[in-house]
Amino acid sequence: MALSASTVTPTIKLSPPSTSQPLRFLLRIPSNSIFDNTNLLIASPSNKWRLRISFFPSFLNKGKDLNALKEELLQAIVPLDRGAEATPEDQEMVDRVSRKLEAANPIKEPLKSDLLNGKWELIYTTSRSILQTERPKLLRSRTNYQGINVDTLRAQNMESGPFFNQVTANLKPLNSRKVAVQFDTFKILGLIPVKAPGRARGELEITYLDEELRISRGDKGNLFILKMIDPSYRVPV
């Protein structure tokens, strides 16, 4: 990044000369400059320069902050059975940490990123229909997956046992983060194809994306948090 001459305005303090010490120059960068927390000390007794720099720009800590937030989010999710056991207070906490991550989203245009491709495992959601909370636990899917192909704009939702149901969908970009979802084919028990009704549609916005984690929000207000398990997976044509 190029700096203009007006970006930093240092001040120079001169100490009084003495017979026992050489002239010393103290160069301080103003605390409101882009070099905040930086001090330069230069001594010049006969053109011998010494430079001491303490330079810790905030952007070097950005990765650490993201990792800390991700760890906080994952730890909050662990005891919630993908959201089925979440209280309103739990949901509020998960939503709050998610919004902090979303604000620091490193991928500003996720629909243009190859990181979106692959097979994702759903680790948390507020969608009661996906969690199947109206069923006895023995009849709920134990794991849910979602495959996405950015190049073909196809998506696939998959349940594990006991029923192994699937559904595929076409995606239509509405902007660089949001898609319209039109489901086309359900597969009962993963085998029996059934054409999806036209009303089986919705919208999904990808609000956070990196190589490990994805956060999305649906048009009905539901939150979805997924982890990448297979970046090589592609939705079958």
C-alpha atoms as a PDB file:
ATOM      1  CA  MET A   1       0.000   0.000   0.000  1.00  0.00           C
ATOM      2  CA  ALA A   2       1.454   3.361  -0.985  1.00  0.00           C
ATOM      3  CA  LEU A   3       1.707   6.008   1.708  1.00  0.00           C
ATOM      4  CA  SER A   4       1.297   9.692   0.996  1.00  0.00           C
ATOM      5  CA  ALA A   5       3.495  12.230   2.647  1.00  0.00           C
ATOM      6  CA  SER A   6       0.635  13.284   4.902  1.00  0.00           C
ATOM      7  CA  THR A   7      -0.034   9.797   6.256  1.00  0.00           C
ATOM      8  CA  VAL A   8       2.445  10.009   9.147  1.00  0.00           C
ATOM      9  CA  THR A   9       3.609  13.194  10.844  1.00  0.00           C
ATOM     10  CA  PRO A  10       6.407  12.316  13.266  1.00  0.00           C
ATOM     11  CA  THR A  11       7.673  14.649  15.967  1.00  0.00           C
ATOM     12  CA  ILE A  12      11.356  14.958  16.790  1.00  0.00           C
ATOM     13  CA  LYS A  13      12.603  15.769  20.283  1.00  0.00           C
ATOM     14  CA  LEU A  14      16.205  16.846  20.730  1.00  0.00           C
ATOM     15  CA  SER A  15      17.911  16.338  24.075  1.00  0.00           C
ATOM     16  CA  PRO A  16      20.390  19.017  25.176  1.00  0.00           C
ATOM     17  CA  PRO A  17      23.959  18.280  24.095  1.00  0.00           C
ATOM     18  CA  SER A  18      26.436  17.357  26.771  1.00  0.00           C
ATOM     19  CA  THR A  19      30.129  16.632  26.928  1.00  0.00           C
ATOM     20  CA  SER A  20      29.643  13.052  28.029  1.00  0.00           C
ATOM     21  CA  GLN A  21      26.884  11.883  25.656  1.00  0.00           C
ATOM     22  CA  PRO A  22      26.392  12.177  21.882  1.00  0.00           C
ATOM     23  CA  LEU A  23      23.379  13.925  20.447  1.00  0.00           C
ATOM     24  CA  ARG A  24      20.354  11.577  20.423  1.00  0.00           C
ATOM     25  CA  PHE A  25      17.237  11.874  18.324  1.00  0.00           C
ATOM     26  CA  LEU A  26      13.946  10.387  19.508  1.00  0.00           C
ATOM     27  CA  LEU A  27      11.469   9.848  16.715  1.00  0.00           C
ATOM     28  CA  ARG A  28       7.933   9.082  17.860  1.00  0.00           C
ATOM     29  CA  ILE A  29       5.050   8.198  15.592  1.00  0.00           C
ATOM     30  CA  PRO A  30       1.708   9.680  16.675  1.00  0.00           C
ATOM     31  CA  SER A  31      -0.593   7.115  18.300  1.00  0.00           C
ATOM     32  CA  ASN A  32      -3.409   7.868  15.870  1.00  0.00           C
ATOM     33  CA  SER A  33      -1.365   7.002  12.789  1.00  0.00           C
ATOM     34  CA  ILE A  34      -1.435   3.703  10.875  1.00  0.00           C
ATOM     35  CA  PHE A  35       1.756   2.782  12.775  1.00  0.00           C
ATOM     36  CA  ASP A  36       0.031   2.810  16.158  1.00  0.00           C
ATOM     37  CA  ASN A  37       2.099   1.114  18.921  1.00  0.00           C
ATOM     38  CA  THR A  38       5.315   1.735  16.957  1.00  0.00           C
ATOM     39  CA  ASN A  39       8.370   3.424  18.501  1.00  0.00           C
ATOM     40  CA  LEU A  40      11.597   4.216  16.675  1.00  0.00           C
ATOM     41  CA  LEU A  41      14.744   5.101  18.637  1.00  0.00           C
ATOM     42  CA  ILE A  42      17.697   6.360  16.593  1.00  0.00           C
ATOM     43  CA  ALA A  43      21.116   7.305  17.962  1.00  0.00           C
ATOM     44  CA  SER A  44      23.742   8.901  15.742  1.00  0.00           C
ATOM     45  CA  PRO A  45      27.169   9.606  17.245  1.00  0.00           C
ATOM     46  CA  SER A  46      29.161   9.848  13.913  1.00  0.00           C
ATOM     47  CA  ASN A  47      26.869   8.533  11.223  1.00  0.00           C
ATOM     48  CA  LYS A  48      26.403   5.176  12.980  1.00  0.00           C
ATOM     49  CA  TRP A  49      22.685   4.562  13.001  1.00  0.00           C
ATOM     50  CA  ARG A  50      20.854   2.170  15.282  1.00  0.00           C
ATOM     51  CA  LEU A  51      17.197   1.289  14.705  1.00  0.00           C
ATOM     52  CA  ARG A  52      14.873  -0.429  17.161  1.00  0.00           C
ATOM     53  CA  ILE A  53      11.341  -1.196  16.008  1.00  0.00           C
ATOM     54  CA  SER A  54       8.350  -2.636  17.842  1.00  0.00           C
ATOM     55  CA  PHE A  55       5.720  -3.137  15.144  1.00  0.00           C
ATOM     56  CA  PHE A  56       2.594  -5.244  15.783  1.00  0.00           C
ATOM     57  CA  PRO A  57      -0.076  -4.167  13.294  1.00  0.00           C
ATOM     58  CA  SER A  58      -3.582  -5.334  14.126  1.00  0.00           C
ATOM     59  CA  PHE A  59      -4.011  -7.250  10.892  1.00  0.00           C
ATOM     60  CA  LEU A  60      -1.429  -9.825  12.033  1.00  0.00           C
ATOM     61  CA  ASN A  61      -3.808 -10.807  14.842  1.00  0.00           C
ATOM     62  CA  LYS A  62      -6.850 -11.165  12.586  1.00  0.00           C
ATOM     63  CA  GLY A  63      -6.275 -14.869  11.976  1.00  0.00           C
ATOM     64  CA  LYS A  64      -5.882 -15.509  15.695  1.00  0.00           C
ATOM     65  CA  ASP A  65      -9.107 -13.636  16.425  1.00  0.00           C
ATOM     66  CA  LEU A  66     -11.007 -15.682  13.827  1.00  0.00           C
ATOM     67  CA  ASN A  67      -9.656 -18.943  15.217  1.00  0.00           C
ATOM     68  CA  ALA A  68     -10.630 -17.927  18.747  1.00  0.00           C
ATOM     69  CA  LEU A  69     -14.166 -17.071  17.613  1.00  0.00           C
ATOM     70  CA  LYS A  70     -14.474 -20.337  15.686  1.00  0.00           C
ATOM     71  CA  GLU A  71     -13.317 -22.297  18.722  1.00  0.00           C
ATOM     72  CA  GLU A  72     -15.797 -20.444  20.936  1.00  0.00           C
ATOM     73  CA  LEU A  73     -18.598 -21.219  18.475  1.00  0.00           C
ATOM     74  CA  LEU A  74     -17.710 -24.903  18.156  1.00  0.00           C
ATOM     75  CA  GLN A  75     -17.461 -25.334  21.932  1.00  0.00           C
ATOM     76  CA  ALA A  76     -20.887 -23.721  22.362  1.00  0.00           C
ATOM     77  CA  ILE A  77     -22.419 -26.088  19.774  1.00  0.00           C
ATOM     78  CA  VAL A  78     -20.985 -29.384  21.097  1.00  0.00           C
ATOM     79  CA  PRO A  79     -23.580 -30.077  23.852  1.00  0.00           C
ATOM     80  CA  LEU A  80     -26.602 -28.926  21.811  1.00  0.00           C
ATOM     81  CA  ASP A  81     -27.201 -32.029  19.651  1.00  0.00           C
ATOM     82  CA  ARG A  82     -26.943 -29.946  16.441  1.00  0.00           C
ATOM     83  CA  GLY A  83     -29.450 -27.500  17.960  1.00  0.00           C
ATOM     84  CA  ALA A  84     -32.159 -29.973  19.027  1.00  0.00           C
ATOM     85  CA  GLU A  85     -31.284 -29.454  22.700  1.00  0.00           C
ATOM     86  CA  ALA A  86     -30.711 -25.693  22.445  1.00  0.00           C
ATOM     87  CA  THR A  87     -32.626 -23.417  24.800  1.00  0.00           C
ATOM     88  CA  PRO A  88     -33.536 -19.879  23.700  1.00  0.00           C
ATOM     89  CA  GLU A  89     -30.502 -18.699  25.678  1.00  0.00           C
ATOM     90  CA  ASP A  90     -28.281 -21.191  23.847  1.00  0.00           C
ATOM     91  CA  GLN A  91     -29.653 -20.042  20.498  1.00  0.00           C
ATOM     92  CA  GLU A  92     -28.994 -16.411  21.410  1.00  0.00           C
ATOM     93  CA  MET A  93     -25.396 -17.184  22.398  1.00  0.00           C
ATOM     94  CA  VAL A  94     -24.689 -19.161  19.213  1.00  0.00           C
ATOM     95  CA  ASP A  95     -26.269 -16.416  17.116  1.00  0.00           C
ATOM     96  CA  ARG A  96     -24.173 -13.746  18.848  1.00  0.00           C
ATOM     97  CA  VAL A  97     -20.862 -15.538  18.229  1.00  0.00           C
ATOM     98  CA  SER A  98     -21.934 -16.333  14.656  1.00  0.00           C
ATOM     99  CA  ARG A  99     -22.558 -12.651  13.979  1.00  0.00           C
ATOM    100  CA  LYS A 100     -19.063 -11.802  15.203  1.00  0.00           C
ATOM    101  CA  LEU A 101     -17.634 -14.296  12.719  1.00  0.00           C
ATOM    102  CA  GLU A 102     -19.891 -13.026   9.947  1.00  0.00           C
ATOM    103  CA  ALA A 103     -18.636  -9.489  10.546  1.00  0.00           C
ATOM    104  CA  ALA A 104     -15.079 -10.739   9.935  1.00  0.00           C
ATOM    105  CA  ASN A 105     -15.964 -12.925   6.934  1.00  0.00           C
ATOM    106  CA  PRO A 106     -12.694 -13.385   4.969  1.00  0.00           C
ATOM    107  CA  ILE A 107     -14.515 -14.374   1.741  1.00  0.00           C
ATOM    108  CA  LYS A 108     -16.600 -11.414   0.635  1.00  0.00           C
ATOM    109  CA  GLU A 109     -18.039 -13.110  -2.489  1.00  0.00           C
ATOM    110  CA  PRO A 110     -18.537 -16.768  -1.498  1.00  0.00           C
ATOM    111  CA  LEU A 111     -20.436 -17.720  -4.667  1.00  0.00           C
ATOM    112  CA  LYS A 112     -17.232 -16.992  -6.592  1.00  0.00           C
ATOM    113  CA  SER A 113     -15.054 -19.085  -4.278  1.00  0.00           C
ATOM    114  CA  ASP A 114     -13.966 -22.689  -4.826  1.00  0.00           C
ATOM    115  CA  LEU A 115     -14.072 -23.091  -1.034  1.00  0.00           C
ATOM    116  CA  LEU A 116     -17.831 -23.504  -1.335  1.00  0.00           C
ATOM    117  CA  ASN A 117     -17.477 -26.709  -3.390  1.00  0.00           C
ATOM    118  CA  GLY A 118     -17.668 -30.040  -1.624  1.00  0.00           C
ATOM    119  CA  LYS A 119     -19.574 -31.950   1.033  1.00  0.00           C
ATOM    120  CA  TRP A 120     -20.476 -30.179   4.259  1.00  0.00           C
ATOM    121  CA  GLU A 121     -21.794 -31.641   7.505  1.00  0.00           C
ATOM    122  CA  LEU A 122     -24.508 -29.721   9.340  1.00  0.00           C
ATOM    123  CA  ILE A 123     -23.368 -29.248  12.945  1.00  0.00           C
ATOM    124  CA  TYR A 124     -25.998 -26.745  14.100  1.00  0.00           C
ATOM    125  CA  THR A 125     -29.285 -25.298  12.935  1.00  0.00           C
ATOM    126  CA  THR A 126     -32.374 -23.600  14.319  1.00  0.00           C
ATOM    127  CA  SER A 127     -34.594 -25.338  11.727  1.00  0.00           C
ATOM    128  CA  ARG A 128     -36.947 -27.643  13.614  1.00  0.00           C
ATOM    129  CA  SER A 129     -37.984 -29.434  10.406  1.00  0.00           C
ATOM    130  CA  ILE A 130     -34.384 -30.409   9.605  1.00  0.00           C
ATOM    131  CA  LEU A 131     -33.763 -31.430  13.215  1.00  0.00           C
ATOM    132  CA  GLN A 132     -37.011 -33.466  13.096  1.00  0.00           C
ATOM    133  CA  THR A 133     -37.744 -32.604  16.704  1.00  0.00           C
ATOM    134  CA  GLU A 134     -41.364 -33.727  16.317  1.00  0.00           C
ATOM    135  CA  ARG A 135     -40.136 -37.337  15.926  1.00  0.00           C
ATOM    136  CA  PRO A 136     -38.848 -39.696  18.618  1.00  0.00           C
ATOM    137  CA  LYS A 137     -35.053 -39.607  18.748  1.00  0.00           C
ATOM    138  CA  LEU A 138     -34.747 -43.097  17.262  1.00  0.00           C
ATOM    139  CA  LEU A 139     -36.520 -41.929  14.107  1.00  0.00           C
ATOM    140  CA  ARG A 140     -34.477 -38.735  13.585  1.00  0.00           C
ATOM    141  CA  SER A 141     -31.618 -38.547  11.116  1.00  0.00           C
ATOM    142  CA  ARG A 142     -28.348 -38.737  12.990  1.00  0.00           C
ATOM    143  CA  THR A 143     -26.343 -36.639  10.533  1.00  0.00           C
ATOM    144  CA  ASN A 144     -27.209 -34.218   7.747  1.00  0.00           C
ATOM    145  CA  TYR A 145     -24.964 -33.316   4.829  1.00  0.00           C
ATOM    146  CA  GLN A 146     -25.067 -30.752   2.047  1.00  0.00           C
ATOM    147  CA  GLY A 147     -23.164 -30.925  -1.218  1.00  0.00           C
ATOM    148  CA  ILE A 148     -22.633 -27.812  -3.324  1.00  0.00           C
ATOM    149  CA  ASN A 149     -21.242 -27.347  -6.844  1.00  0.00           C
ATOM    150  CA  VAL A 150     -20.472 -23.720  -7.624  1.00  0.00           C
ATOM    151  CA  ASP A 151     -19.700 -24.444 -11.286  1.00  0.00           C
ATOM    152  CA  THR A 152     -23.025 -26.194 -12.027  1.00  0.00           C
ATOM    153  CA  LEU A 153     -25.060 -24.310  -9.383  1.00  0.00           C
ATOM    154  CA  ARG A 154     -26.383 -27.556  -7.929  1.00  0.00           C
ATOM    155  CA  ALA A 155     -26.994 -28.518  -4.317  1.00  0.00           C
ATOM    156  CA  GLN A 156     -27.866 -31.764  -2.572  1.00  0.00           C
ATOM    157  CA  ASN A 157     -29.157 -32.365   0.961  1.00  0.00           C
ATOM    158  CA  MET A 158     -28.610 -35.838   2.415  1.00  0.00           C
ATOM    159  CA  GLU A 159     -29.746 -37.526   5.617  1.00  0.00           C
ATOM    160  CA  SER A 160     -28.051 -40.437   7.320  1.00  0.00           C
ATOM    161  CA  GLY A 161     -30.058 -43.338   8.774  1.00  0.00           C
ATOM    162  CA  PRO A 162     -32.582 -44.435   9.569  1.00  0.00           C
ATOM    163  CA  PHE A 163     -34.178 -43.235   6.309  1.00  0.00           C
ATOM    164  CA  PHE A 164     -31.321 -41.855   4.113  1.00  0.00           C
ATOM    165  CA  ASN A 165     -33.604 -39.362   2.344  1.00  0.00           C
ATOM    166  CA  GLN A 166     -32.099 -36.955  -0.197  1.00  0.00           C
ATOM    167  CA  VAL A 167     -33.150 -33.918  -2.204  1.00  0.00           C
ATOM    168  CA  THR A 168     -31.397 -32.046  -5.021  1.00  0.00           C
ATOM    169  CA  ALA A 169     -31.868 -28.423  -6.048  1.00  0.00           C
ATOM    170  CA  ASN A 170     -30.909 -25.797  -8.582  1.00  0.00           C
ATOM    171  CA  LEU A 171     -29.315 -22.587  -7.311  1.00  0.00           C
ATOM    172  CA  LYS A 172     -29.863 -19.187  -8.873  1.00  0.00           C
ATOM    173  CA  PRO A 173     -27.509 -16.424  -7.683  1.00  0.00           C
ATOM    174  CA  LEU A 174     -29.279 -13.292  -6.450  1.00  0.00           C
ATOM    175  CA  ASN A 175     -25.985 -11.577  -5.598  1.00  0.00           C
ATOM    176  CA  SER A 176     -22.452 -12.707  -4.702  1.00  0.00           C
ATOM    177  CA  ARG A 177     -23.624 -14.157  -1.357  1.00  0.00           C
ATOM    178  CA  LYS A 178     -27.258 -15.141  -1.812  1.00  0.00           C
ATOM    179  CA  VAL A 179     -29.039 -17.786  -3.914  1.00  0.00           C
ATOM    180  CA  ALA A 180     -32.596 -18.758  -4.709  1.00  0.00           C
ATOM    181  CA  VAL A 181     -33.050 -22.494  -4.106  1.00  0.00           C
ATOM    182  CA  GLN A 182     -35.481 -24.529  -6.218  1.00  0.00           C
ATOM    183  CA  PHE A 183     -35.721 -28.184  -5.146  1.00  0.00           C
ATOM    184  CA  ASP A 184     -36.361 -30.592  -8.021  1.00  0.00           C
ATOM    185  CA  THR A 185     -36.110 -34.242  -6.921  1.00  0.00           C
ATOM    186  CA  PHE A 186     -36.578 -36.033  -3.615  1.00  0.00           C
ATOM    187  CA  LYS A 187     -35.191 -39.532  -3.116  1.00  0.00           C
ATOM    188  CA  ILE A 188     -37.044 -41.566  -0.512  1.00  0.00           C
ATOM    189  CA  LEU A 189     -34.689 -43.958   1.281  1.00  0.00           C
ATOM    190  CA  GLY A 190     -32.038 -42.597  -1.086  1.00  0.00           C
ATOM    191  CA  LEU A 191     -33.500 -44.726  -3.902  1.00  0.00           C
ATOM    192  CA  ILE A 192     -37.073 -43.811  -4.877  1.00  0.00           C
ATOM    193  CA  PRO A 193     -37.197 -40.557  -6.907  1.00  0.00           C
ATOM    194  CA  VAL A 194     -40.137 -38.193  -6.397  1.00  0.00           C
ATOM    195  CA  LYS A 195     -40.530 -34.907  -8.256  1.00  0.00           C
ATOM    196  CA  ALA A 196     -40.512 -31.952  -5.870  1.00  0.00           C
ATOM    197  CA  PRO A 197     -43.523 -29.604  -5.979  1.00  0.00           C
ATOM    198  CA  GLY A 198     -42.983 -26.094  -7.342  1.00  0.00           C
ATOM    199  CA  ARG A 199     -43.533 -24.588  -3.901  1.00  0.00           C
ATOM    200  CA  ALA A 200     -40.423 -26.406  -2.610  1.00  0.00           C
ATOM    201  CA  ARG A 201     -38.144 -23.410  -2.827  1.00  0.00           C
ATOM    202  CA  GLY A 202     -36.421 -20.828  -0.679  1.00  0.00           C
ATOM    203  CA  GLU A 203     -33.418 -18.533  -0.382  1.00  0.00           C
ATOM    204  CA  LEU A 204     -30.064 -18.982   1.308  1.00  0.00           C
ATOM    205  CA  GLU A 205     -27.382 -16.410   2.130  1.00  0.00           C
ATOM    206  CA  ILE A 206     -23.811 -17.510   2.826  1.00  0.00           C
ATOM    207  CA  THR A 207     -22.644 -15.167   5.564  1.00  0.00           C
ATOM    208  CA  TYR A 208     -19.306 -16.760   6.509  1.00  0.00           C
ATOM    209  CA  LEU A 209     -16.962 -19.041   4.570  1.00  0.00           C
ATOM    210  CA  ASP A 210     -13.482 -20.434   4.971  1.00  0.00           C
ATOM    211  CA  GLU A 211     -11.865 -23.801   4.203  1.00  0.00           C
ATOM    212  CA  GLU A 212     -13.303 -25.371   7.381  1.00  0.00           C
ATOM    213  CA  LEU A 213     -16.529 -23.621   8.329  1.00  0.00           C
ATOM    214  CA  ARG A 214     -19.598 -22.166   6.650  1.00  0.00           C
ATOM    215  CA  ILE A 215     -22.432 -20.134   8.150  1.00  0.00           C
ATOM    216  CA  SER A 216     -25.641 -19.576   6.196  1.00  0.00           C
ATOM    217  CA  ARG A 217     -29.002 -17.945   6.909  1.00  0.00           C
ATOM    218  CA  GLY A 218     -32.277 -18.902   5.288  1.00  0.00           C
ATOM    219  CA  ASP A 219     -35.199 -16.748   4.214  1.00  0.00           C
ATOM    220  CA  LYS A 220     -37.282 -18.066   7.143  1.00  0.00           C
ATOM    221  CA  GLY A 221     -34.736 -16.781   9.646  1.00  0.00           C
ATOM    222  CA  ASN A 222     -33.004 -20.089  10.324  1.00  0.00           C
ATOM    223  CA  LEU A 223     -29.288 -20.319  11.038  1.00  0.00           C
ATOM    224  CA  PHE A 224     -27.141 -23.099   9.561  1.00  0.00           C
ATOM    225  CA  ILE A 225     -23.560 -23.890  10.612  1.00  0.00           C
ATOM    226  CA  LEU A 226     -21.631 -26.521   8.666  1.00  0.00           C
ATOM    227  CA  LYS A 227     -18.116 -27.954   8.643  1.00  0.00           C
ATOM    228  CA  MET A 228     -16.284 -29.156   5.540  1.00  0.00           C
ATOM    229  CA  ILE A 229     -15.719 -32.923   5.409  1.00  0.00           C
ATOM    230  CA  ASP A 230     -14.895 -33.596   1.725  1.00  0.00           C
ATOM    231  CA  PRO A 231     -13.837 -30.749  -0.599  1.00  0.00           C
ATOM    232  CA  SER A 232     -13.555 -33.173  -3.542  1.00  0.00           C
ATOM    233  CA  TYR A 233     -17.234 -34.209  -3.447  1.00  0.00           C
ATOM    234  CA  ARG A 234     -19.449 -33.101  -6.338  1.00  0.00           C
ATOM    235  CA  VAL A 235     -23.231 -33.282  -6.619  1.00  0.00           C
ATOM    236  CA  PRO A 236     -24.182 -36.004  -9.141  1.00  0.00           C
ATOM    237  CA  VAL A 237     -25.605 -34.680 -12.397  1.00  0.00           C
END
